Amino acid sequence: EYVQSRPYQSGDPVKFIDWRVTARTGRFHVKEYEAPKQMPVYLLVDTSASMCVSSQPLSKYAWAVQIAGGLALAALDHMNPAGIMTVGERDLHHTPTLARSTIMQWMHQLRHYCFVEGTALGRRIRELIPRVEQRCLFIVISDLHEPDAIPAIKLMAQDHDCVVLHLEDPVERGRTGGGIYRAMEAETGREFVAHGFSRWFGEEETHSLSRAGVDYLRLPTDKPILPRLRHFLKSRGGTRRSSQ
C-alpha cells in the first residue's frame, strides 16, 4: 500500500519515482510502500463422528466443511496463507499456502466422512503448537465434545490469535420430547443417562474461553449460520468478543 512520497536518494529504483510530485516540486521524489502484513490462517476442522450425526438437513460436519472452505478462500483474497489440520483420527494436514489449487484439493478430501471416527482435538493442538514459529490465526471449527479441547485451546491462545466456531445441533440443547434413555457418546465411549429435557454436554468451560483471550461464537445448526458468522467476523476488528 502507498504510504508517502519522499525525496529521491542515490540507489532508489527508478520505477518508484513519483512523477506527479516530481513535476510539481522540480525535485525527484519516490513513492514509499508498506508491505502487506500477512498472518497465516490455520483451520482446525473437527472430522469426528459426532460432527456427522444430525437432526437437521445439514449436519455440523457439512457446515464445518463449507465454513472452512469459505474462510480459506477469503484469507487468500487478503493475501493471508491458509492451512488446515483435521482434528479427528484421519491425517490431513496442509501448512499455510497461497495456492488456491491446494485449498480446492483439501476441500475435496473433506467431502468424505466417517461415522465411527474418533476425536483428537486436544492432542492435535498440543502437537501443532511447538511446530508453529510465526504468530498465526487459529480457527477451530468443532462441536467441542472432547474433554481436553478447552484446555488445549487456552494453551494455544497464549501465543496465537484464536477463534472458536462452536457448531451445535439442536438436540444437544435438550427438549427433544423423549423420555428417559441411556446413551453412549460414540467418540469417547462415555455412557450417560438423560431425558428429553436435559443437555447432553455441559457449557460451563466455554464461558472461560473469552477470559483466555479467545473469540468464541456458538452456531446452532437450526438457525441461520452465515449472517451470524459474517457479523461476528466483521465485528472482531482486533477486539475480543464472545457471542452466545
Protein backbone atom coordinates (compact mmCIF):
# COMPACT_ATOMS: atom_id res chain seq x y z
CA GLU A 1 0.00 0.00 0.00
CA TYR A 2 1.16 3.52 -0.82
CA VAL A 3 2.36 5.44 2.27
CA GLN A 4 4.07 8.63 1.13
CA SER A 5 6.49 10.24 -1.32
CA ARG A 6 9.97 11.34 -0.25
CA PRO A 7 12.97 12.99 -1.95
CA TYR A 8 14.96 10.69 -4.22
CA GLN A 9 18.14 9.18 -2.75
CA SER A 10 21.00 7.58 -4.61
CA GLY A 11 20.23 3.91 -5.20
CA ASP A 12 16.43 4.22 -5.19
CA PRO A 13 14.77 2.24 -8.03
CA VAL A 14 13.78 4.47 -10.92
CA LYS A 15 10.43 2.66 -11.29
CA PHE A 16 9.32 4.10 -7.92
CA ILE A 17 9.72 7.76 -9.00
CA ASP A 18 6.58 9.76 -8.28
CA TRP A 19 6.42 11.79 -11.48
CA ARG A 20 3.47 13.89 -10.35
CA VAL A 21 5.22 15.15 -7.21
CA THR A 22 8.48 15.49 -9.13
CA ALA A 23 6.83 17.73 -11.73
CA ARG A 24 5.21 19.86 -9.04
CA THR A 25 8.31 20.38 -6.90
CA GLY A 26 11.03 20.27 -9.53
CA ARG A 27 12.91 17.66 -7.49
CA PHE A 28 12.83 13.89 -7.90
CA HIS A 29 10.61 12.05 -5.40
CA VAL A 30 9.98 8.34 -5.00
CA LYS A 31 6.93 6.54 -3.67
CA GLU A 32 7.20 4.54 -0.46
CA TYR A 33 5.03 1.49 0.03
CA GLU A 34 4.11 -0.56 3.05
CA ALA A 35 4.40 -4.30 2.62
CA PRO A 36 1.16 -6.16 3.37
CA LYS A 37 1.13 -7.75 6.82
CA GLN A 38 0.50 -11.44 6.34
CA MET A 39 -0.81 -13.59 9.18
CA PRO A 40 -1.10 -17.28 8.33
CA VAL A 41 -4.54 -18.77 8.98
CA TYR A 42 -4.80 -22.32 10.34
CA LEU A 43 -8.20 -24.01 10.13
CA LEU A 44 -8.64 -26.83 12.65
CA VAL A 45 -11.62 -28.81 11.38
CA ASP A 46 -13.29 -31.44 13.54
CA THR A 47 -13.93 -34.55 11.43
CA SER A 48 -15.01 -36.83 14.28
CA ALA A 49 -18.16 -38.96 14.41
CA SER A 50 -20.29 -36.58 16.47
CA MET A 51 -19.97 -33.92 13.74
CA CYS A 52 -21.73 -36.23 11.26
CA VAL A 53 -24.84 -37.11 13.28
CA SER A 54 -27.57 -34.54 12.68
CA SER A 55 -31.24 -33.81 13.26
CA GLN A 56 -31.13 -31.11 10.56
CA PRO A 57 -30.84 -31.24 6.75
CA LEU A 58 -27.20 -30.12 7.05
CA SER A 59 -25.01 -31.76 9.68
CA LYS A 60 -22.37 -30.00 11.76
CA TYR A 61 -19.76 -31.63 9.56
CA ALA A 62 -21.32 -30.29 6.34
CA TRP A 63 -21.37 -26.80 7.82
CA ALA A 64 -17.78 -27.15 9.03
CA VAL A 65 -16.54 -28.01 5.54
CA GLN A 66 -18.42 -25.10 3.96
CA ILE A 67 -17.22 -22.63 6.58
CA ALA A 68 -13.61 -23.84 6.37
CA GLY A 69 -13.57 -23.54 2.58
CA GLY A 70 -15.12 -20.08 2.62
CA LEU A 71 -12.71 -18.78 5.26
CA ALA A 72 -9.70 -20.23 3.44
CA LEU A 73 -10.65 -18.55 0.15
CA ALA A 74 -11.37 -15.29 1.97
CA ALA A 75 -7.92 -15.45 3.56
CA LEU A 76 -6.33 -15.88 0.13
CA ASP A 77 -8.21 -12.82 -1.15
CA HIS A 78 -6.49 -10.83 1.61
CA MET A 79 -3.10 -12.38 0.77
CA ASN A 80 -3.04 -14.41 4.01
CA PRO A 81 -1.79 -18.00 3.60
CA ALA A 82 -4.33 -20.61 4.69
CA GLY A 83 -3.65 -24.10 6.02
CA ILE A 84 -5.70 -26.89 7.52
CA MET A 85 -5.41 -29.66 10.06
CA THR A 86 -8.17 -32.17 10.75
CA VAL A 87 -8.63 -32.92 14.43
CA GLY A 88 -10.25 -36.31 14.12
CA GLU A 89 -8.38 -39.57 13.59
CA ARG A 90 -7.67 -39.03 9.88
CA ASP A 91 -4.35 -37.49 8.88
CA LEU A 92 -4.99 -34.38 6.77
CA HIS A 93 -2.53 -31.55 7.34
CA HIS A 94 -1.51 -28.81 4.91
CA THR A 95 0.71 -25.96 6.04
CA PRO A 96 -0.49 -22.42 5.15
CA THR A 97 -0.25 -21.66 1.45
CA LEU A 98 -1.40 -19.05 -1.05
CA ALA A 99 -2.11 -21.68 -3.72
CA ARG A 100 -5.83 -21.83 -4.50
CA SER A 101 -5.38 -25.26 -6.11
CA THR A 102 -4.16 -26.68 -2.78
CA ILE A 103 -7.19 -25.23 -0.99
CA MET A 104 -9.55 -26.83 -3.51
CA GLN A 105 -7.69 -30.14 -3.12
CA TRP A 106 -8.18 -30.41 0.64
CA MET A 107 -11.78 -29.21 0.33
CA HIS A 108 -12.35 -32.17 -1.98
CA GLN A 109 -10.71 -34.50 0.53
CA LEU A 110 -13.01 -33.25 3.27
CA ARG A 111 -16.09 -34.38 1.34
CA HIS A 112 -15.62 -37.88 2.77
CA TYR A 113 -16.61 -38.57 6.38
CA CYS A 114 -16.83 -41.50 8.77
CA PHE A 115 -19.48 -42.26 11.40
CA VAL A 116 -17.00 -44.03 13.69
CA GLU A 117 -14.07 -41.60 13.59
CA GLY A 118 -12.76 -40.59 17.00
CA THR A 119 -11.76 -37.13 18.15
CA ALA A 120 -8.24 -35.83 18.75
CA LEU A 121 -8.73 -32.07 19.06
CA GLY A 122 -6.73 -31.56 22.25
CA ARG A 123 -3.87 -33.84 21.18
CA ARG A 124 -3.58 -32.35 17.70
CA ILE A 125 -3.44 -28.81 19.10
CA ARG A 126 -0.71 -29.73 21.58
CA GLU A 127 1.28 -31.38 18.78
CA LEU A 128 0.89 -28.38 16.46
CA ILE A 129 1.81 -25.58 18.88
CA PRO A 130 5.59 -26.32 19.08
CA ARG A 131 5.82 -26.64 15.29
CA VAL A 132 4.41 -23.18 14.52
CA GLU A 133 7.06 -20.48 14.93
CA GLN A 134 5.19 -17.50 13.45
CA ARG A 135 2.16 -15.98 15.13
CA CYS A 136 -0.96 -17.36 13.41
CA LEU A 137 -4.70 -17.05 13.44
CA PHE A 138 -6.13 -20.41 14.52
CA ILE A 139 -9.80 -21.03 13.74
CA VAL A 140 -11.25 -24.09 15.48
CA ILE A 141 -14.45 -25.42 13.88
CA SER A 142 -15.82 -28.11 16.18
CA ASP A 143 -18.62 -29.23 18.47
CA LEU A 144 -16.12 -29.32 21.38
CA HIS A 145 -17.11 -32.78 22.58
CA GLU A 146 -13.60 -33.74 23.68
CA PRO A 147 -12.80 -33.07 27.36
CA ASP A 148 -9.28 -31.78 26.57
CA ALA A 149 -10.44 -29.38 23.85
CA ILE A 150 -10.96 -26.27 26.01
CA PRO A 151 -7.65 -26.54 27.97
CA ALA A 152 -5.71 -27.10 24.72
CA ILE A 153 -7.34 -24.09 23.05
CA LYS A 154 -6.49 -21.90 26.06
CA LEU A 155 -2.88 -23.02 25.80
CA MET A 156 -2.80 -22.16 22.11
CA ALA A 157 -4.25 -18.69 22.80
CA GLN A 158 -1.21 -17.76 24.89
CA ASP A 159 0.89 -17.21 21.74
CA HIS A 160 -1.61 -17.00 18.90
CA ASP A 161 -4.84 -15.31 17.84
CA CYS A 162 -7.63 -17.87 18.34
CA VAL A 163 -11.23 -18.13 17.18
CA VAL A 164 -13.62 -20.93 18.13
CA LEU A 165 -16.69 -21.60 15.99
CA HIS A 166 -18.78 -23.96 18.10
CA LEU A 167 -21.30 -25.88 15.97
CA GLU A 168 -24.27 -27.22 17.91
CA ASP A 169 -27.12 -29.47 16.84
CA PRO A 170 -30.47 -28.56 18.47
CA VAL A 171 -30.80 -31.97 20.14
CA GLU A 172 -27.67 -31.16 22.15
CA ARG A 173 -29.64 -28.41 23.87
CA GLY A 174 -32.22 -30.92 25.12
CA ARG A 175 -36.00 -30.65 24.80
CA THR A 176 -36.20 -33.47 22.29
CA GLY A 177 -39.57 -34.61 23.65
CA GLY A 178 -38.29 -38.08 24.53
CA GLY A 179 -38.40 -39.88 27.85
CA ILE A 180 -35.55 -41.28 29.93
CA TYR A 181 -32.90 -43.06 27.92
CA ARG A 182 -29.39 -44.50 28.26
CA ALA A 183 -26.82 -43.40 25.67
CA MET A 184 -23.14 -43.70 24.85
CA GLU A 185 -21.04 -40.97 23.25
CA ALA A 186 -19.60 -42.54 20.08
CA GLU A 187 -16.18 -40.83 20.19
CA THR A 188 -15.19 -41.18 23.84
CA GLY A 189 -17.31 -44.19 24.85
CA ARG A 190 -18.76 -42.23 27.80
CA GLU A 191 -22.12 -43.63 28.93
CA PHE A 192 -24.80 -41.47 30.48
CA VAL A 193 -28.49 -41.46 31.38
CA ALA A 194 -30.56 -38.49 30.25
CA HIS A 195 -34.09 -37.43 29.40
CA GLY A 196 -35.68 -35.32 26.72
CA PHE A 197 -35.17 -32.05 28.62
CA SER A 198 -31.51 -32.45 29.54
CA ARG A 199 -28.44 -31.16 27.76
CA TRP A 200 -26.01 -33.79 26.53
CA PHE A 201 -22.91 -31.77 27.25
CA GLY A 202 -22.08 -29.03 29.72
CA GLU A 203 -21.25 -25.49 28.66
CA GLU A 204 -19.50 -24.17 31.77
CA GLU A 205 -15.99 -24.26 30.29
CA THR A 206 -16.94 -22.48 27.06
CA HIS A 207 -17.54 -19.28 29.06
CA SER A 208 -13.90 -19.34 30.15
CA LEU A 209 -12.63 -19.04 26.58
CA SER A 210 -13.24 -15.29 26.38
CA ARG A 211 -11.31 -14.81 29.63
CA ALA A 212 -8.40 -16.61 27.96
CA GLY A 213 -8.46 -14.18 25.01
CA VAL A 214 -10.32 -16.49 22.61
CA ASP A 215 -13.05 -15.18 20.31
CA TYR A 216 -15.94 -17.61 20.73
CA LEU A 217 -19.13 -18.00 18.69
CA ARG A 218 -21.82 -20.65 19.14
CA LEU A 219 -23.51 -21.60 15.85
CA PRO A 220 -26.71 -23.68 16.26
CA THR A 221 -27.39 -25.59 13.06
CA ASP A 222 -31.15 -24.94 13.27
CA LYS A 223 -30.65 -21.18 12.96
CA PRO A 224 -29.21 -19.05 10.11
CA ILE A 225 -25.45 -19.50 10.38
CA LEU A 226 -23.95 -17.32 7.67
CA PRO A 227 -25.42 -13.96 8.84
CA ARG A 228 -24.23 -14.58 12.41
CA LEU A 229 -20.81 -15.67 11.22
CA ARG A 230 -20.46 -12.69 8.87
CA HIS A 231 -21.44 -10.23 11.62
CA PHE A 232 -19.08 -11.90 14.09
CA LEU A 233 -16.07 -11.74 11.78
CA LYS A 234 -16.75 -8.14 10.74
CA SER A 235 -17.11 -7.01 14.33
CA ARG A 236 -13.86 -8.65 15.52
CA GLY A 237 -11.62 -5.89 14.19
CA GLY A 238 -8.87 -6.69 16.69
CA THR A 239 -11.26 -6.72 19.66
CA ARG A 240 -12.02 -9.79 21.73
CA ARG A 241 -15.66 -10.79 21.86
CA SER A 242 -17.76 -13.76 22.86
CA SER A 243 -21.18 -14.41 21.37
CA GLN A 244 -23.61 -16.86 22.84
